[in-house]
C-alpha cells in the first residue's frame, strides 16, 4: 500500500467517531484498496498480454515477409537456372533432347543447341571464355537448357561462382559404336532423307571388324571417357588412366545425374522429380506421348559374339567399359533411393525427411 494511502488512513482514524464506525470505515477502506489493487493487477496483466500479442504479431509479420521474400528469391533463383547436357553421340541423346524441346514452351524455358564446327567436342580457349560468359550472363535466355556434342567444361576455372547443372546419358561402349557405325551409313528415322557421310557403304559391322577397318577399330570406342574428362589434353590420349579417373571424378562431383540409354525412362523420371522447373510432365510424355522424341538407327545389325570378343580384347574397351560400369552402378544406386517398381510400373518415393527441434521458438 502506498504512503499516500497510509496518510489518508491515519487521517481517517483521527476523526472523532465512535470506535465501531472507525472499525467499519477501516474495513471498508481496506476492501476498497484490495479491490483497487486487484484491478490494477488485472490491468497490468492485460497490458502484458497485449504487449506479447503485439510482439507475436510483429514476429509473424516479419516471418511472413521473409517467406514472401524467400518465395520471390526462389522464383528468381529458378528463373536463373542453366542445365547443360553435353550429349555423347548415339546414346539416345536426340531422343532425350526432343523431350526438352516438347516441354520448353509449356514449362517456360529456353532450349539452345551448341553447334560446334565439324562437331568438334573441344573448344578453343577463347570459345570457352565466350561460352562461359554467354551461359552466365545471357539473362534473356534464362532459364536455359543447353545441349550439344561438347566435352565437359569446368566453369570454376573462369571465376564463375554459380555453376550450371550438368546432366548426361551414356551407353554400353560396343552398342554405342555399333549404333554409330550404322548411323553413318543409313541414318535414322528422325531425318531419313539426310545423306550421311558413309552412305552407300554396305559393309556390315562384323565385316568391318573382320577386315580390321578403321570405322570399327577399338580406338573408336574412346569417346565417353574424354567427354566426361573435359578439355585437358590428357583426356584425349587414348588409353589414359588419368583420363579415366578424371572422368569418374567429374561424373560424381560435377554432374547432378548421369543416366544410361538402356534405362532412359528411369532417368527421365528422376529428372522430373529433381528438376520440375524443366522436366515437369516429362515422364508422362515419354510413356504416352506421340513418341516424337524416339529415334532409331536404320538398318542396324547386332554384332556377332566373335566381333564383340575381338573388341573386348583391347585395353581401350576395358577402360571405356570400366567407366560405363562405374556410371551404371552410380545411377542404379541413386535410382534405388528414389524409385520403386510395383506391378510393372515405376513410381517415385515420397519425401522421407522432415524437420524437428526448431529453435529458437517463435511463440
Protein backbone atom coordinates (compact mmCIF):
# COMPACT_ATOMS: atom_id res chain seq x y z
CA UNK A 1 0.00 0.00 0.00
CA UNK A 2 1.43 3.41 -0.95
CA UNK A 3 2.48 6.06 1.58
CA UNK A 4 -0.34 8.33 0.37
CA UNK A 5 -2.87 5.68 1.31
CA UNK A 6 -1.34 5.33 4.76
CA UNK A 7 -1.59 9.11 5.32
CA UNK A 8 -5.27 9.01 4.26
CA UNK A 9 -5.91 6.11 6.61
CA UNK A 10 -4.25 7.79 9.61
CA UNK A 11 -6.26 10.95 8.97
CA UNK A 12 -9.42 8.86 8.89
CA UNK A 13 -8.58 7.30 12.25
CA UNK A 14 -8.05 10.72 13.86
CA UNK A 15 -11.63 11.72 13.09
CA UNK A 16 -13.83 11.82 16.16
CA UNK A 17 -16.24 8.99 15.60
CA UNK A 18 -17.27 6.01 17.62
CA UNK A 19 -14.82 3.10 17.57
CA UNK A 20 -17.48 0.95 15.96
CA UNK A 21 -17.72 3.30 12.97
CA UNK A 22 -13.92 3.68 12.82
CA UNK A 23 -13.65 -0.11 12.52
CA UNK A 24 -16.26 -0.21 9.76
CA UNK A 25 -14.58 2.67 7.96
CA UNK A 26 -11.23 0.94 8.24
CA UNK A 27 -12.69 -2.32 6.95
CA UNK A 28 -14.40 -0.54 4.04
CA UNK A 29 -11.17 1.25 3.18
CA UNK A 30 -9.20 -1.98 3.26
CA UNK A 31 -11.74 -3.70 0.97
CA UNK A 32 -11.64 -0.75 -1.41
CA UNK A 33 -7.84 -0.84 -1.52
CA UNK A 34 -7.78 -4.59 -2.15
CA UNK A 35 -10.30 -4.18 -4.95
CA UNK A 36 -8.29 -1.32 -6.42
CA UNK A 37 -5.02 -3.25 -6.29
CA UNK A 38 -6.73 -6.27 -7.88
CA UNK A 39 -7.98 -4.08 -10.74
CA UNK A 40 -4.54 -2.57 -11.15
CA UNK A 41 -3.00 -6.07 -11.29
CA UNK A 42 -5.55 -7.16 -13.91
CA UNK A 43 -4.74 -4.08 -15.96
CA UNK A 44 -1.04 -4.90 -15.70
CA UNK A 45 -1.68 -8.47 -16.81
CA UNK A 46 -3.86 -7.27 -19.68
CA UNK A 47 -1.16 -4.84 -20.75
CA UNK A 48 1.42 -7.65 -20.63
CA UNK A 49 -0.81 -9.91 -22.73
CA UNK A 50 -1.39 -7.08 -25.18
CA UNK A 51 2.35 -6.41 -25.46
CA UNK A 52 3.03 -10.13 -26.02
CA UNK A 53 0.26 -10.33 -28.62
CA UNK A 54 1.69 -7.31 -30.42
CA UNK A 55 5.18 -8.83 -30.29
CA UNK A 56 3.93 -12.19 -31.63
CA UNK A 57 2.05 -10.37 -34.38
CA UNK A 58 5.16 -8.40 -35.32
CA UNK A 59 7.25 -11.59 -35.37
CA UNK A 60 4.69 -13.33 -37.57
CA UNK A 61 4.61 -10.32 -39.87
CA UNK A 62 8.39 -10.50 -40.17
CA UNK A 63 8.23 -14.26 -40.76
CA UNK A 64 5.53 -13.86 -43.42
CA UNK A 65 7.56 -11.14 -45.09
CA UNK A 66 10.62 -13.38 -45.06
CA UNK A 67 8.55 -16.24 -46.50
CA UNK A 68 7.21 -13.98 -49.26
CA UNK A 69 10.68 -12.64 -49.97
CA UNK A 70 12.08 -16.18 -49.87
CA UNK A 71 9.43 -17.34 -52.33
CA UNK A 72 10.31 -14.46 -54.63
CA UNK A 73 14.00 -15.25 -54.29
CA UNK A 74 13.27 -18.93 -55.02
CA UNK A 75 11.39 -17.96 -58.19
CA UNK A 76 14.24 -15.69 -59.23
CA UNK A 77 16.69 -18.48 -58.45
CA UNK A 78 14.71 -20.96 -60.54
CA UNK A 79 14.49 -18.49 -63.40
CA UNK A 80 18.28 -18.23 -63.30
CA UNK A 81 18.82 -21.98 -63.72
CA UNK A 82 21.01 -23.34 -66.51
CA UNK A 83 21.20 -27.03 -67.41
CA UNK A 84 23.94 -28.30 -69.74
CA UNK A 85 23.56 -31.65 -71.46
CA UNK A 86 26.91 -32.30 -73.17
CA UNK A 87 25.49 -35.22 -75.06
CA UNK A 88 27.60 -38.16 -76.19
CA UNK A 89 26.77 -39.24 -79.77
CA UNK A 90 24.50 -42.27 -80.18
CA UNK A 91 23.39 -42.59 -76.59
CA UNK A 92 19.72 -41.67 -77.25
CA UNK A 93 20.77 -38.04 -76.96
CA UNK A 94 18.45 -36.77 -79.71
CA UNK A 95 15.56 -38.77 -78.25
CA UNK A 96 16.07 -37.19 -74.85
CA UNK A 97 16.70 -33.69 -76.21
CA UNK A 98 13.40 -33.78 -78.09
CA UNK A 99 11.64 -34.21 -74.75
CA UNK A 100 13.20 -30.92 -73.66
CA UNK A 101 12.01 -29.26 -76.89
CA UNK A 102 8.50 -30.64 -76.39
CA UNK A 103 8.32 -29.23 -72.85
CA UNK A 104 10.11 -25.88 -73.17
CA UNK A 105 7.05 -23.85 -74.17
CA UNK A 106 4.82 -25.40 -71.51
CA UNK A 107 7.42 -25.11 -68.72
CA UNK A 108 8.71 -21.70 -69.87
CA UNK A 109 12.40 -22.18 -70.51
CA UNK A 110 14.73 -21.89 -73.50
CA UNK A 111 16.48 -24.71 -75.36
CA UNK A 112 19.72 -23.90 -77.17
CA UNK A 113 21.76 -26.23 -79.36
CA UNK A 114 25.54 -25.84 -79.11
CA UNK A 115 26.61 -26.39 -82.73
CA UNK A 116 30.39 -26.66 -82.96
CA UNK A 117 32.29 -26.67 -86.26
CA UNK A 118 32.57 -30.24 -87.58
CA UNK A 119 31.07 -31.41 -84.26
CA UNK A 120 34.44 -30.83 -82.59
CA UNK A 121 33.88 -31.56 -78.87
CA UNK A 122 36.87 -29.45 -77.82
CA UNK A 123 36.54 -25.66 -77.81
CA UNK A 124 39.38 -23.21 -78.23
CA UNK A 125 40.31 -21.23 -75.12
CA UNK A 126 38.69 -18.08 -76.48
CA UNK A 127 35.49 -20.00 -77.30
CA UNK A 128 35.48 -21.47 -73.80
CA UNK A 129 35.54 -17.92 -72.39
CA UNK A 130 32.78 -16.80 -74.76
CA UNK A 131 30.63 -19.80 -73.92
CA UNK A 132 31.03 -19.37 -70.16
CA UNK A 133 30.10 -15.67 -70.45
CA UNK A 134 27.09 -16.45 -72.63
CA UNK A 135 25.76 -19.11 -70.30
CA UNK A 136 26.35 -17.00 -67.20
CA UNK A 137 25.18 -13.54 -68.31
CA UNK A 138 22.68 -14.13 -71.13
CA UNK A 139 19.68 -13.35 -68.91
CA UNK A 140 17.22 -13.15 -71.80
CA UNK A 141 17.74 -16.87 -72.40
CA UNK A 142 17.29 -17.99 -68.79
CA UNK A 143 16.20 -20.45 -67.58
CA UNK A 144 18.07 -22.39 -70.25
CA UNK A 145 18.72 -25.95 -71.39
CA UNK A 146 21.92 -26.16 -73.48
CA UNK A 147 22.76 -29.30 -75.40
CA UNK A 148 25.50 -30.27 -77.81
CA UNK A 149 28.34 -32.66 -78.56
CA UNK A 150 30.92 -30.88 -76.40
CA UNK A 151 33.17 -32.24 -73.69
CA UNK A 152 32.79 -31.19 -70.07
CA UNK A 153 33.85 -27.63 -69.29
CA UNK A 154 34.73 -26.58 -65.74
CA UNK A 155 33.14 -23.16 -65.17
CA UNK A 156 35.04 -22.51 -61.93
CA UNK A 157 38.27 -22.14 -63.92
CA UNK A 158 36.83 -18.91 -65.32
CA UNK A 159 35.91 -17.34 -61.98
CA UNK A 160 32.21 -18.20 -62.14
CA UNK A 161 30.64 -18.61 -58.69
CA UNK A 162 27.36 -20.21 -59.78
CA UNK A 163 27.97 -23.24 -61.97
CA UNK A 164 25.41 -24.72 -64.36
CA UNK A 165 23.79 -28.08 -63.68
CA UNK A 166 25.36 -30.84 -65.79
CA UNK A 167 23.45 -33.96 -66.83
CA UNK A 168 24.26 -36.71 -69.33
CA UNK A 169 23.45 -40.18 -70.62
CA UNK A 170 25.95 -42.89 -71.55
CA UNK A 171 25.69 -46.28 -73.19
CA UNK A 172 27.38 -49.65 -73.35
CA UNK A 173 30.50 -48.76 -75.39
CA UNK A 174 30.21 -51.51 -78.00
CA UNK A 175 26.49 -50.94 -78.51
CA UNK A 176 27.19 -47.23 -78.91
CA UNK A 177 29.90 -47.89 -81.51
CA UNK A 178 27.69 -50.31 -83.48
CA UNK A 179 24.86 -47.78 -83.49
CA UNK A 180 27.19 -45.02 -84.68
CA UNK A 181 28.67 -47.28 -87.38
CA UNK A 182 25.29 -47.93 -88.98
CA UNK A 183 24.10 -44.37 -88.39
CA UNK A 184 26.91 -43.05 -90.60
CA UNK A 185 25.77 -45.38 -93.39
CA UNK A 186 21.98 -45.49 -93.16
CA UNK A 187 20.95 -42.58 -90.97
CA UNK A 188 17.87 -42.91 -88.79
CA UNK A 189 14.11 -42.41 -88.82
CA UNK A 190 14.45 -38.87 -87.45
CA UNK A 191 15.71 -37.32 -90.69
CA UNK A 192 15.53 -40.19 -93.20
CA UNK A 193 16.22 -38.01 -96.25
CA UNK A 194 19.53 -36.62 -94.97
CA UNK A 195 22.60 -38.02 -96.71
CA UNK A 196 25.12 -39.46 -94.27
CA UNK A 197 28.90 -39.41 -94.54
CA UNK A 198 29.29 -43.16 -95.23
CA UNK A 199 26.10 -43.58 -97.22
CA UNK A 200 26.49 -46.27 -99.88
CA UNK A 201 28.90 -48.38 -97.85
CA UNK A 202 27.07 -51.69 -97.39
CA UNK A 203 29.76 -53.38 -95.30
CA UNK A 204 28.36 -54.77 -92.05
CA UNK A 205 29.96 -54.10 -88.69
CA UNK A 206 31.08 -57.73 -88.47
CA UNK A 207 32.75 -57.49 -91.88
CA UNK A 208 34.45 -54.29 -90.78
CA UNK A 209 35.83 -55.93 -87.63
CA UNK A 210 36.99 -58.98 -89.58
CA UNK A 211 38.80 -56.75 -92.07
CA UNK A 212 40.34 -54.57 -89.35
CA UNK A 213 38.58 -51.46 -90.66
CA UNK A 214 39.14 -48.04 -89.07
CA UNK A 215 35.43 -47.28 -88.51
CA UNK A 216 35.08 -50.21 -86.11
CA UNK A 217 38.56 -50.14 -84.57
CA UNK A 218 38.88 -50.17 -80.75
CA UNK A 219 40.17 -46.58 -80.94
CA UNK A 220 36.66 -45.51 -81.94
CA UNK A 221 35.45 -46.65 -78.53
CA UNK A 222 37.44 -43.87 -76.83
CA UNK A 223 34.71 -41.25 -76.57
CA UNK A 224 32.66 -41.35 -73.39
CA UNK A 225 35.70 -41.04 -71.14
CA UNK A 226 37.04 -37.88 -72.84
CA UNK A 227 33.56 -36.34 -72.98
CA UNK A 228 33.39 -36.55 -69.19
CA UNK A 229 37.09 -35.85 -68.64
CA UNK A 230 36.94 -32.46 -70.33
CA UNK A 231 39.21 -30.06 -72.15
CA UNK A 232 42.54 -31.28 -70.78
CA UNK A 233 44.95 -32.67 -73.39
CA UNK A 234 45.36 -35.91 -71.45
CA UNK A 235 41.63 -36.57 -71.76
CA UNK A 236 42.04 -37.29 -75.44
CA UNK A 237 45.07 -39.54 -75.15
CA UNK A 238 43.58 -42.96 -75.86
CA UNK A 239 44.07 -45.42 -73.03
CA UNK A 240 44.99 -42.76 -70.46
CA UNK A 241 44.32 -43.98 -66.91
CA UNK A 242 44.43 -40.37 -65.72
CA UNK A 243 41.63 -39.53 -68.13
CA UNK A 244 39.56 -42.45 -66.81
CA UNK A 245 39.97 -41.33 -63.20
CA UNK A 246 39.23 -37.70 -64.08
CA UNK A 247 36.08 -38.77 -65.92
CA UNK A 248 34.94 -40.73 -62.86
CA UNK A 249 35.68 -37.76 -60.60
CA UNK A 250 33.69 -35.39 -62.80
CA UNK A 251 30.76 -37.79 -63.08
CA UNK A 252 30.43 -37.97 -59.29
CA UNK A 253 31.28 -34.38 -58.39
CA UNK A 254 30.18 -32.24 -61.35
CA UNK A 255 27.08 -33.99 -62.70
CA UNK A 256 23.74 -33.90 -60.94
CA UNK A 257 22.61 -37.07 -62.72
CA UNK A 258 24.03 -39.37 -65.39
CA UNK A 259 21.67 -41.94 -66.84
CA UNK A 260 22.14 -44.89 -69.16
CA UNK A 261 20.50 -45.41 -72.53
CA UNK A 262 19.16 -48.80 -71.53
CA UNK A 263 17.17 -47.28 -68.64
CA UNK A 264 16.18 -43.95 -70.13
CA UNK A 265 12.68 -43.88 -68.63
CA UNK A 266 14.11 -44.08 -65.11
CA UNK A 267 16.48 -41.24 -65.95
CA UNK A 268 13.60 -39.10 -67.22
CA UNK A 269 11.51 -39.84 -64.14
CA UNK A 270 14.26 -38.87 -61.71
CA UNK A 271 15.00 -35.69 -63.61
CA UNK A 272 11.34 -34.70 -63.43
CA UNK A 273 11.40 -35.20 -59.66
CA UNK A 274 14.67 -33.31 -59.18
CA UNK A 275 14.19 -30.53 -61.77
CA UNK A 276 10.44 -29.96 -62.25
CA UNK A 277 11.17 -26.43 -63.49
CA UNK A 278 12.40 -28.08 -66.69
CA UNK A 279 11.02 -31.60 -66.75
CA UNK A 280 7.52 -31.40 -65.29
CA UNK A 281 5.43 -33.75 -67.46
CA UNK A 282 8.47 -35.49 -68.99
CA UNK A 283 7.64 -38.97 -67.70
CA UNK A 284 4.08 -38.86 -68.98
CA UNK A 285 5.32 -37.53 -72.31
CA UNK A 286 7.87 -40.32 -72.57
CA UNK A 287 5.30 -43.01 -71.73
CA UNK A 288 2.18 -41.90 -73.54
CA UNK A 289 3.11 -39.04 -75.85
CA UNK A 290 3.31 -39.08 -79.60
CA UNK A 291 6.77 -40.63 -79.25
CA UNK A 292 8.19 -37.83 -81.39
CA UNK A 293 11.25 -37.99 -79.17
CA UNK A 294 12.04 -41.60 -80.08
CA UNK A 295 14.72 -42.17 -82.67
CA UNK A 296 16.13 -45.38 -84.14
CA UNK A 297 19.09 -46.07 -86.39
CA UNK A 298 18.06 -47.68 -89.67
CA UNK A 299 19.44 -50.99 -90.96
CA UNK A 300 21.31 -51.81 -87.75
CA UNK A 301 22.50 -55.41 -87.38
CA UNK A 302 23.67 -56.72 -84.00
CA UNK A 303 27.32 -57.85 -83.97
CA UNK A 304 28.30 -61.46 -83.55
CA UNK A 305 29.91 -62.81 -80.40
CA UNK A 306 33.18 -63.11 -82.30
CA UNK A 307 33.21 -59.40 -83.18
CA UNK A 308 32.37 -58.45 -79.61
CA UNK A 309 35.06 -60.72 -78.20
CA UNK A 310 37.64 -59.20 -80.54
CA UNK A 311 36.84 -55.66 -79.41
CA UNK A 312 36.84 -56.73 -75.77
CA UNK A 313 40.48 -57.76 -76.04
CA UNK A 314 41.58 -54.14 -76.35
CA UNK A 315 42.68 -52.05 -73.36
CA UNK A 316 40.56 -49.16 -74.65
CA UNK A 317 37.39 -51.24 -74.42
CA UNK A 318 38.34 -52.37 -70.91
CA UNK A 319 38.72 -48.76 -69.77
CA UNK A 320 35.58 -47.50 -71.51
CA UNK A 321 33.65 -50.44 -70.12
CA UNK A 322 35.03 -49.77 -66.63
CA UNK A 323 33.77 -46.20 -66.90
CA UNK A 324 30.38 -47.39 -68.16
CA UNK A 325 30.05 -49.92 -65.32
CA UNK A 326 31.04 -47.20 -62.84
CA UNK A 327 28.36 -44.85 -64.22
CA UNK A 328 25.76 -47.64 -64.27
CA UNK A 329 26.45 -48.55 -60.65
CA UNK A 330 26.19 -44.92 -59.60
CA UNK A 331 22.91 -44.47 -61.50
CA UNK A 332 21.40 -47.63 -60.06
CA UNK A 333 22.43 -46.57 -56.56
CA UNK A 334 20.67 -43.21 -56.96
CA UNK A 335 17.64 -44.90 -58.50
CA UNK A 336 17.38 -47.41 -55.65
CA UNK A 337 16.92 -44.49 -53.26
CA UNK A 338 14.40 -42.68 -55.47
CA UNK A 339 12.25 -45.14 -57.43
CA UNK A 340 10.28 -48.32 -56.75
CA UNK A 341 8.53 -50.73 -59.12
CA UNK A 342 5.07 -52.13 -58.46
CA UNK A 343 3.00 -54.26 -60.83
CA UNK A 344 5.38 -53.39 -63.66
CA UNK A 345 5.04 -49.65 -63.07
CA UNK A 346 7.69 -47.29 -61.75
CA UNK A 347 6.83 -44.70 -59.14
CA UNK A 348 8.83 -42.15 -57.14
CA UNK A 349 9.29 -42.49 -53.41
CA UNK A 350 7.67 -39.82 -51.26
CA UNK A 351 9.75 -37.37 -49.24
CA UNK A 352 11.25 -39.28 -46.33
CA UNK A 353 12.77 -36.48 -44.26
CA UNK A 354 11.26 -33.74 -42.12
CA UNK A 355 12.37 -31.03 -39.71
CA UNK A 356 12.03 -31.03 -35.93
CA UNK A 357 13.50 -29.41 -32.79
CA UNK A 358 13.47 -26.00 -34.46
CA UNK A 359 14.95 -23.30 -32.22
CA UNK A 360 14.61 -20.60 -31.11
CA UNK A 361 10.87 -20.89 -30.62
CA UNK A 362 8.76 -18.09 -32.09
CA UNK A 363 5.85 -18.40 -29.61
